[in-house]
Amino acid sequence: MHSSLNTKSRTAVLPETRRLLERCMQEVDAVAEARRVALAPSVVADTMAFLDSLAENATTSLQRDIIDGKPSELEAWNGAVVRLA
């Protein structure tokens, strides 16, 4: 596994990456609210807390798929929010 691509250290070590992630989640939350999709008021804080609880060498299935050269669902995830915005 590529330790340089782990999820937690990238967001915990680089404050600008952490802020970007949090802003992206806030944007998703705003799109959900505009579309009347009920998310918990604490969804962003809860997700950030979950991220903080991960092991230092944790990776996502999306990262592992990209590393392994497999198709990823990145466009589907991001594209859905853009299409709904």
PDB file of N, CA and C in Angstrom:
ATOM      1  N   MET A   1       0.845  -1.173   0.000  1.00  0.00           N
ATOM      2  CA  MET A   1       0.000   0.000   0.000  1.00  0.00           C
ATOM      3  C   MET A   1       0.893   1.239   0.000  1.00  0.00           C
ATOM      4  N   HIS A   2       0.467   2.273  -0.660  1.00  0.00           N
ATOM      5  CA  HIS A   2       1.255   3.493  -0.773  1.00  0.00           C
ATOM      6  C   HIS A   2       0.971   4.408   0.410  1.00  0.00           C
ATOM      7  N   SER A   3       1.887   4.465   1.357  1.00  0.00           N
ATOM      8  CA  SER A   3       1.649   5.273   2.551  1.00  0.00           C
ATOM      9  C   SER A   3       1.537   6.754   2.226  1.00  0.00           C
ATOM     10  N   SER A   4       2.148   7.194   1.138  1.00  0.00           N
ATOM     11  CA  SER A   4       2.061   8.613   0.789  1.00  0.00           C
ATOM     12  C   SER A   4       0.660   8.991   0.325  1.00  0.00           C
ATOM     13  N   LEU A   5      -0.182   8.001   0.073  1.00  0.00           N
ATOM     14  CA  LEU A   5      -1.530   8.279  -0.392  1.00  0.00           C
ATOM     15  C   LEU A   5      -2.581   8.004   0.670  1.00  0.00           C
ATOM     16  N   ASN A   6      -2.173   7.863   1.918  1.00  0.00           N
ATOM     17  CA  ASN A   6      -3.173   7.544   2.930  1.00  0.00           C
ATOM     18  C   ASN A   6      -4.063   8.740   3.225  1.00  0.00           C
ATOM     19  N   THR A   7      -5.267   8.439   3.635  1.00  0.00           N
ATOM     20  CA  THR A   7      -6.295   9.454   3.836  1.00  0.00           C
ATOM     21  C   THR A   7      -5.999  10.362   5.009  1.00  0.00           C
ATOM     22  N   LYS A   8      -5.719   9.782   6.146  1.00  0.00           N
ATOM     23  CA  LYS A   8      -5.622  10.584   7.361  1.00  0.00           C
ATOM     24  C   LYS A   8      -4.430  11.533   7.338  1.00  0.00           C
ATOM     25  N   SER A   9      -3.261  11.071   6.978  1.00  0.00           N
ATOM     26  CA  SER A   9      -2.110  11.968   7.070  1.00  0.00           C
ATOM     27  C   SER A   9      -2.233  13.133   6.104  1.00  0.00           C
ATOM     28  N   ARG A  10      -2.837  12.916   4.962  1.00  0.00           N
ATOM     29  CA  ARG A  10      -3.007  14.006   3.999  1.00  0.00           C
ATOM     30  C   ARG A  10      -3.899  15.100   4.560  1.00  0.00           C
ATOM     31  N   THR A  11      -4.947  14.740   5.248  1.00  0.00           N
ATOM     32  CA  THR A  11      -5.858  15.752   5.766  1.00  0.00           C
ATOM     33  C   THR A  11      -5.415  16.294   7.107  1.00  0.00           C
ATOM     34  N   ALA A  12      -4.755  15.481   7.903  1.00  0.00           N
ATOM     35  CA  ALA A  12      -4.339  15.930   9.232  1.00  0.00           C
ATOM     36  C   ALA A  12      -3.080  16.782   9.164  1.00  0.00           C
ATOM     37  N   VAL A  13      -2.178  16.466   8.244  1.00  0.00           N
ATOM     38  CA  VAL A  13      -0.898  17.158   8.177  1.00  0.00           C
ATOM     39  C   VAL A  13      -1.003  18.457   7.386  1.00  0.00           C
ATOM     40  N   LEU A  14      -1.832  18.494   6.398  1.00  0.00           N
ATOM     41  CA  LEU A  14      -1.947  19.670   5.545  1.00  0.00           C
ATOM     42  C   LEU A  14      -3.228  20.434   5.901  1.00  0.00           C
ATOM     43  N   PRO A  15      -3.098  21.513   6.666  1.00  0.00           N
ATOM     44  CA  PRO A  15      -4.292  22.260   7.082  1.00  0.00           C
ATOM     45  C   PRO A  15      -5.126  22.742   5.901  1.00  0.00           C
ATOM     46  N   GLU A  16      -4.475  23.123   4.802  1.00  0.00           N
ATOM     47  CA  GLU A  16      -5.235  23.615   3.654  1.00  0.00           C
ATOM     48  C   GLU A  16      -6.063  22.492   3.026  1.00  0.00           C
ATOM     49  N   THR A  17      -5.564  21.263   3.068  1.00  0.00           N
ATOM     50  CA  THR A  17      -6.326  20.123   2.550  1.00  0.00           C
ATOM     51  C   THR A  17      -7.511  19.836   3.454  1.00  0.00           C
ATOM     52  N   ARG A  18      -7.301  19.923   4.741  1.00  0.00           N
ATOM     53  CA  ARG A  18      -8.392  19.705   5.696  1.00  0.00           C
ATOM     54  C   ARG A  18      -9.490  20.761   5.502  1.00  0.00           C
ATOM     55  N   ARG A  19      -9.100  22.020   5.345  1.00  0.00           N
ATOM     56  CA  ARG A  19     -10.081  23.084   5.127  1.00  0.00           C
ATOM     57  C   ARG A  19     -10.846  22.863   3.815  1.00  0.00           C
ATOM     58  N   LEU A  20     -10.130  22.433   2.782  1.00  0.00           N
ATOM     59  CA  LEU A  20     -10.768  22.172   1.498  1.00  0.00           C
ATOM     60  C   LEU A  20     -11.787  21.040   1.632  1.00  0.00           C
ATOM     61  N   LEU A  21     -11.420  19.976   2.314  1.00  0.00           N
ATOM     62  CA  LEU A  21     -12.333  18.860   2.519  1.00  0.00           C
ATOM     63  C   LEU A  21     -13.574  19.304   3.280  1.00  0.00           C
ATOM     64  N   GLU A  22     -13.363  20.076   4.330  1.00  0.00           N
ATOM     65  CA  GLU A  22     -14.494  20.550   5.128  1.00  0.00           C
ATOM     66  C   GLU A  22     -15.406  21.460   4.301  1.00  0.00           C
ATOM     67  N   ARG A  23     -14.822  22.336   3.488  1.00  0.00           N
ATOM     68  CA  ARG A  23     -15.635  23.217   2.631  1.00  0.00           C
ATOM     69  C   ARG A  23     -16.412  22.404   1.594  1.00  0.00           C
ATOM     70  N   CYS A  24     -15.783  21.367   1.060  1.00  0.00           N
ATOM     71  CA  CYS A  24     -16.488  20.506   0.095  1.00  0.00           C
ATOM     72  C   CYS A  24     -17.673  19.819   0.751  1.00  0.00           C
ATOM     73  N   MET A  25     -17.467  19.336   1.960  1.00  0.00           N
ATOM     74  CA  MET A  25     -18.568  18.693   2.680  1.00  0.00           C
ATOM     75  C   MET A  25     -19.675  19.698   2.986  1.00  0.00           C
ATOM     76  N   GLN A  26     -19.313  20.924   3.320  1.00  0.00           N
ATOM     77  CA  GLN A  26     -20.320  21.959   3.578  1.00  0.00           C
ATOM     78  C   GLN A  26     -21.120  22.256   2.305  1.00  0.00           C
ATOM     79  N   GLU A  27     -20.439  22.224   1.165  1.00  0.00           N
ATOM     80  CA  GLU A  27     -21.137  22.454  -0.097  1.00  0.00           C
ATOM     81  C   GLU A  27     -22.105  21.311  -0.394  1.00  0.00           C
ATOM     82  N   VAL A  28     -21.688  20.084  -0.154  1.00  0.00           N
ATOM     83  CA  VAL A  28     -22.579  18.939  -0.339  1.00  0.00           C
ATOM     84  C   VAL A  28     -23.789  19.076   0.589  1.00  0.00           C
ATOM     85  N   ASP A  29     -23.544  19.478   1.810  1.00  0.00           N
ATOM     86  CA  ASP A  29     -24.631  19.679   2.774  1.00  0.00           C
ATOM     87  C   ASP A  29     -25.594  20.756   2.276  1.00  0.00           C
ATOM     88  N   ALA A  30     -25.067  21.833   1.727  1.00  0.00           N
ATOM     89  CA  ALA A  30     -25.916  22.911   1.213  1.00  0.00           C
ATOM     90  C   ALA A  30     -26.752  22.440   0.025  1.00  0.00           C
ATOM     91  N   VAL A  31     -26.153  21.647  -0.861  1.00  0.00           N
ATOM     92  CA  VAL A  31     -26.897  21.104  -2.002  1.00  0.00           C
ATOM     93  C   VAL A  31     -27.998  20.173  -1.491  1.00  0.00           C
ATOM     94  N   ALA A  32     -27.670  19.345  -0.513  1.00  0.00           N
ATOM     95  CA  ALA A  32     -28.678  18.446   0.065  1.00  0.00           C
ATOM     96  C   ALA A  32     -29.835  19.242   0.653  1.00  0.00           C
ATOM     97  N   GLU A  33     -29.512  20.279   1.392  1.00  0.00           N
ATOM     98  CA  GLU A  33     -30.567  21.105   1.995  1.00  0.00           C
ATOM     99  C   GLU A  33     -31.437  21.755   0.918  1.00  0.00           C
ATOM    100  N   ALA A  34     -30.802  22.269  -0.124  1.00  0.00           N
ATOM    101  CA  ALA A  34     -31.548  22.904  -1.215  1.00  0.00           C
ATOM    102  C   ALA A  34     -32.459  21.904  -1.924  1.00  0.00           C
ATOM    103  N   ARG A  35     -32.036  20.657  -1.958  1.00  0.00           N
ATOM    104  CA  ARG A  35     -32.816  19.593  -2.597  1.00  0.00           C
ATOM    105  C   ARG A  35     -33.750  18.890  -1.615  1.00  0.00           C
ATOM    106  N   ARG A  36     -33.824  19.433  -0.413  1.00  0.00           N
ATOM    107  CA  ARG A  36     -34.675  18.881   0.641  1.00  0.00           C
ATOM    108  C   ARG A  36     -34.305  17.447   1.016  1.00  0.00           C
ATOM    109  N   VAL A  37     -33.005  17.189   1.022  1.00  0.00           N
ATOM    110  CA  VAL A  37     -32.483  15.906   1.495  1.00  0.00           C
ATOM    111  C   VAL A  37     -32.054  16.127   2.935  1.00  0.00           C
ATOM    112  N   ALA A  38     -32.661  15.397   3.826  1.00  0.00           N
ATOM    113  CA  ALA A  38     -32.408  15.603   5.254  1.00  0.00           C
ATOM    114  C   ALA A  38     -31.102  14.936   5.676  1.00  0.00           C
ATOM    115  N   LEU A  39     -30.158  15.741   6.069  1.00  0.00           N
ATOM    116  CA  LEU A  39     -28.920  15.262   6.666  1.00  0.00           C
ATOM    117  C   LEU A  39     -28.865  15.795   8.098  1.00  0.00           C
ATOM    118  N   ALA A  40     -28.168  15.098   8.937  1.00  0.00           N
ATOM    119  CA  ALA A  40     -28.028  15.558  10.321  1.00  0.00           C
ATOM    120  C   ALA A  40     -27.355  16.921  10.341  1.00  0.00           C
ATOM    121  N   PRO A  41     -27.771  17.806  11.212  1.00  0.00           N
ATOM    122  CA  PRO A  41     -27.128  19.120  11.312  1.00  0.00           C
ATOM    123  C   PRO A  41     -25.621  19.016  11.581  1.00  0.00           C
ATOM    124  N   SER A  42     -25.209  17.928  12.186  1.00  0.00           N
ATOM    125  CA  SER A  42     -23.798  17.742  12.539  1.00  0.00           C
ATOM    126  C   SER A  42     -23.044  16.874  11.530  1.00  0.00           C
ATOM    127  N   VAL A  43     -23.606  16.695  10.331  1.00  0.00           N
ATOM    128  CA  VAL A  43     -23.005  15.761   9.374  1.00  0.00           C
ATOM    129  C   VAL A  43     -21.548  16.100   9.054  1.00  0.00           C
ATOM    130  N   VAL A  44     -21.233  17.363   8.868  1.00  0.00           N
ATOM    131  CA  VAL A  44     -19.851  17.735   8.537  1.00  0.00           C
ATOM    132  C   VAL A  44     -18.931  17.475   9.735  1.00  0.00           C
ATOM    133  N   ALA A  45     -19.328  17.929  10.895  1.00  0.00           N
ATOM    134  CA  ALA A  45     -18.508  17.712  12.095  1.00  0.00           C
ATOM    135  C   ALA A  45     -18.359  16.229  12.394  1.00  0.00           C
ATOM    136  N   ASP A  46     -19.444  15.470  12.232  1.00  0.00           N
ATOM    137  CA  ASP A  46     -19.376  14.026  12.483  1.00  0.00           C
ATOM    138  C   ASP A  46     -18.436  13.334  11.506  1.00  0.00           C
ATOM    139  N   THR A  47     -18.482  13.753  10.247  1.00  0.00           N
ATOM    140  CA  THR A  47     -17.621  13.146   9.238  1.00  0.00           C
ATOM    141  C   THR A  47     -16.159  13.500   9.493  1.00  0.00           C
ATOM    142  N   MET A  48     -15.896  14.734   9.878  1.00  0.00           N
ATOM    143  CA  MET A  48     -14.524  15.121  10.209  1.00  0.00           C
ATOM    144  C   MET A  48     -14.026  14.343  11.428  1.00  0.00           C
ATOM    145  N   ALA A  49     -14.889  14.141  12.410  1.00  0.00           N
ATOM    146  CA  ALA A  49     -14.508  13.358  13.594  1.00  0.00           C
ATOM    147  C   ALA A  49     -14.210  11.914  13.200  1.00  0.00           C
ATOM    148  N   PHE A  50     -15.009  11.361  12.288  1.00  0.00           N
ATOM    149  CA  PHE A  50     -14.744  10.001  11.804  1.00  0.00           C
ATOM    150  C   PHE A  50     -13.380   9.952  11.128  1.00  0.00           C
ATOM    151  N   LEU A  51     -13.104  10.919  10.282  1.00  0.00           N
ATOM    152  CA  LEU A  51     -11.812  10.975   9.599  1.00  0.00           C
ATOM    153  C   LEU A  51     -10.675  11.025  10.614  1.00  0.00           C
ATOM    154  N   ASP A  52     -10.857  11.825  11.647  1.00  0.00           N
ATOM    155  CA  ASP A  52      -9.825  11.937  12.687  1.00  0.00           C
ATOM    156  C   ASP A  52      -9.631  10.628  13.443  1.00  0.00           C
ATOM    157  N   SER A  53     -10.629   9.766  13.446  1.00  0.00           N
ATOM    158  CA  SER A  53     -10.526   8.500  14.177  1.00  0.00           C
ATOM    159  C   SER A  53      -9.815   7.407  13.383  1.00  0.00           C
ATOM    160  N   LEU A  54      -9.572   7.634  12.108  1.00  0.00           N
ATOM    161  CA  LEU A  54      -8.949   6.610  11.268  1.00  0.00           C
ATOM    162  C   LEU A  54      -7.481   6.410  11.626  1.00  0.00           C
ATOM    163  N   ALA A  55      -7.010   5.223  11.350  1.00  0.00           N
ATOM    164  CA  ALA A  55      -5.592   4.919  11.543  1.00  0.00           C
ATOM    165  C   ALA A  55      -4.764   5.778  10.593  1.00  0.00           C
ATOM    166  N   GLU A  56      -3.538   6.054  10.990  1.00  0.00           N
ATOM    167  CA  GLU A  56      -2.653   6.905  10.175  1.00  0.00           C
ATOM    168  C   GLU A  56      -2.464   6.372   8.758  1.00  0.00           C
ATOM    169  N   ASN A  57      -2.494   5.057   8.585  1.00  0.00           N
ATOM    170  CA  ASN A  57      -2.239   4.479   7.265  1.00  0.00           C
ATOM    171  C   ASN A  57      -3.516   4.097   6.536  1.00  0.00           C
ATOM    172  N   ALA A  58      -4.650   4.620   6.980  1.00  0.00           N
ATOM    173  CA  ALA A  58      -5.931   4.285   6.362  1.00  0.00           C
ATOM    174  C   ALA A  58      -6.023   4.826   4.947  1.00  0.00           C
ATOM    175  N   THR A  59      -6.657   4.058   4.090  1.00  0.00           N
ATOM    176  CA  THR A  59      -6.958   4.501   2.728  1.00  0.00           C
ATOM    177  C   THR A  59      -8.414   4.169   2.442  1.00  0.00           C
ATOM    178  N   THR A  60      -8.960   4.818   1.444  1.00  0.00           N
ATOM    179  CA  THR A  60     -10.329   4.527   1.043  1.00  0.00           C
ATOM    180  C   THR A  60     -10.326   3.509  -0.089  1.00  0.00           C
ATOM    181  N   SER A  61     -11.466   2.885  -0.304  1.00  0.00           N
ATOM    182  CA  SER A  61     -11.568   1.942  -1.427  1.00  0.00           C
ATOM    183  C   SER A  61     -11.345   2.681  -2.743  1.00  0.00           C
ATOM    184  N   LEU A  62     -11.776   3.930  -2.810  1.00  0.00           N
ATOM    185  CA  LEU A  62     -11.550   4.738  -4.011  1.00  0.00           C
ATOM    186  C   LEU A  62     -10.058   4.888  -4.285  1.00  0.00           C
ATOM    187  N   GLN A  63      -9.285   5.208  -3.253  1.00  0.00           N
ATOM    188  CA  GLN A  63      -7.837   5.335  -3.420  1.00  0.00           C
ATOM    189  C   GLN A  63      -7.218   4.011  -3.861  1.00  0.00           C
ATOM    190  N   ARG A  64      -7.636   2.929  -3.229  1.00  0.00           N
ATOM    191  CA  ARG A  64      -7.068   1.624  -3.572  1.00  0.00           C
ATOM    192  C   ARG A  64      -7.405   1.239  -5.010  1.00  0.00           C
ATOM    193  N   ASP A  65      -8.624   1.544  -5.455  1.00  0.00           N
ATOM    194  CA  ASP A  65      -8.994   1.252  -6.838  1.00  0.00           C
ATOM    195  C   ASP A  65      -8.116   2.028  -7.814  1.00  0.00           C
ATOM    196  N   ILE A  66      -7.913   3.321  -7.543  1.00  0.00           N
ATOM    197  CA  ILE A  66      -7.079   4.141  -8.429  1.00  0.00           C
ATOM    198  C   ILE A  66      -5.645   3.619  -8.442  1.00  0.00           C
ATOM    199  N   ILE A  67      -5.098   3.298  -7.274  1.00  0.00           N
ATOM    200  CA  ILE A  67      -3.740   2.762  -7.181  1.00  0.00           C
ATOM    201  C   ILE A  67      -3.620   1.469  -7.976  1.00  0.00           C
ATOM    202  N   ASP A  68      -4.664   0.635  -7.909  1.00  0.00           N
ATOM    203  CA  ASP A  68      -4.651  -0.657  -8.601  1.00  0.00           C
ATOM    204  C   ASP A  68      -5.034  -0.549 -10.069  1.00  0.00           C
ATOM    205  N   GLY A  69      -5.282   0.662 -10.552  1.00  0.00           N
ATOM    206  CA  GLY A  69      -5.639   0.863 -11.952  1.00  0.00           C
ATOM    207  C   GLY A  69      -7.055   0.428 -12.286  1.00  0.00           C
ATOM    208  N   LYS A  70      -7.901   0.290 -11.296  1.00  0.00           N
ATOM    209  CA  LYS A  70      -9.294  -0.105 -11.512  1.00  0.00           C
ATOM    210  C   LYS A  70     -10.141   1.140 -11.753  1.00  0.00           C
ATOM    211  N   PRO A  71     -11.295   0.962 -12.382  1.00  0.00           N
ATOM    212  CA  PRO A  71     -12.202   2.109 -12.550  1.00  0.00           C
ATOM    213  C   PRO A  71     -12.625   2.636 -11.181  1.00  0.00           C
ATOM    214  N   SER A  72     -12.799   3.934 -11.097  1.00  0.00           N
ATOM    215  CA  SER A  72     -13.217   4.521  -9.821  1.00  0.00           C
ATOM    216  C   SER A  72     -14.583   5.173  -9.985  1.00  0.00           C
ATOM    217  N   GLU A  73     -15.219   5.405  -8.853  1.00  0.00           N
ATOM    218  CA  GLU A  73     -16.513   6.064  -8.855  1.00  0.00           C
ATOM    219  C   GLU A  73     -16.381   7.554  -8.541  1.00  0.00           C
ATOM    220  N   LEU A  74     -15.183   8.108  -8.699  1.00  0.00           N
ATOM    221  CA  LEU A  74     -14.936   9.509  -8.367  1.00  0.00           C
ATOM    222  C   LEU A  74     -15.867  10.455  -9.119  1.00  0.00           C
ATOM    223  N   GLU A  75     -16.001  10.255 -10.421  1.00  0.00           N
ATOM    224  CA  GLU A  75     -16.865  11.154 -11.203  1.00  0.00           C
ATOM    225  C   GLU A  75     -18.308  11.019 -10.763  1.00  0.00           C
ATOM    226  N   ALA A  76     -18.734   9.826 -10.447  1.00  0.00           N
ATOM    227  CA  ALA A  76     -20.119   9.633 -10.012  1.00  0.00           C
ATOM    228  C   ALA A  76     -20.373  10.378  -8.709  1.00  0.00           C
ATOM    229  N   TRP A  77     -19.435  10.316  -7.788  1.00  0.00           N
ATOM    230  CA  TRP A  77     -19.596  11.011  -6.506  1.00  0.00           C
ATOM    231  C   TRP A  77     -19.626  12.511  -6.698  1.00  0.00           C
ATOM    232  N   ASN A  78     -18.584  13.036  -7.322  1.00  0.00           N
ATOM    233  CA  ASN A  78     -18.480  14.491  -7.506  1.00  0.00           C
ATOM    234  C   ASN A  78     -19.489  14.989  -8.535  1.00  0.00           C
ATOM    235  N   GLY A  79     -19.671  14.232  -9.603  1.00  0.00           N
ATOM    236  CA  GLY A  79     -20.584  14.632 -10.657  1.00  0.00           C
ATOM    237  C   GLY A  79     -22.010  14.746 -10.170  1.00  0.00           C
ATOM    238  N   ALA A  80     -22.407  13.864  -9.281  1.00  0.00           N
ATOM    239  CA  ALA A  80     -23.775  13.905  -8.751  1.00  0.00           C
ATOM    240  C   ALA A  80     -24.030  15.220  -8.034  1.00  0.00           C
ATOM    241  N   VAL A  81     -23.088  15.659  -7.244  1.00  0.00           N
ATOM    242  CA  VAL A  81     -23.262  16.922  -6.507  1.00  0.00           C
ATOM    243  C   VAL A  81     -23.306  18.084  -7.495  1.00  0.00           C
ATOM    244  N   VAL A  82     -22.437  18.077  -8.483  1.00  0.00           N
ATOM    245  CA  VAL A  82     -22.417  19.163  -9.472  1.00  0.00           C
ATOM    246  C   VAL A  82     -23.724  19.189 -10.244  1.00  0.00           C
ATOM    247  N   ARG A  83     -24.212  18.022 -10.659  1.00  0.00           N
ATOM    248  CA  ARG A  83     -25.464  17.985 -11.417  1.00  0.00           C
ATOM    249  C   ARG A  83     -26.660  18.448 -10.595  1.00  0.00           C
ATOM    250  N   LEU A  84     -26.627  18.195  -9.290  1.00  0.00           N
ATOM    251  CA  LEU A  84     -27.746  18.578  -8.424  1.00  0.00           C
ATOM    252  C   LEU A  84     -27.663  20.022  -7.930  1.00  0.00           C
ATOM    253  N   ALA A  85     -26.490  20.633  -8.050  1.00  0.00           N
ATOM    254  CA  ALA A  85     -26.297  22.001  -7.524  1.00  0.00           C
ATOM    255  C   ALA A  85     -27.109  23.014  -8.303  1.00  0.00           C
TER     256      ALA A  85
END
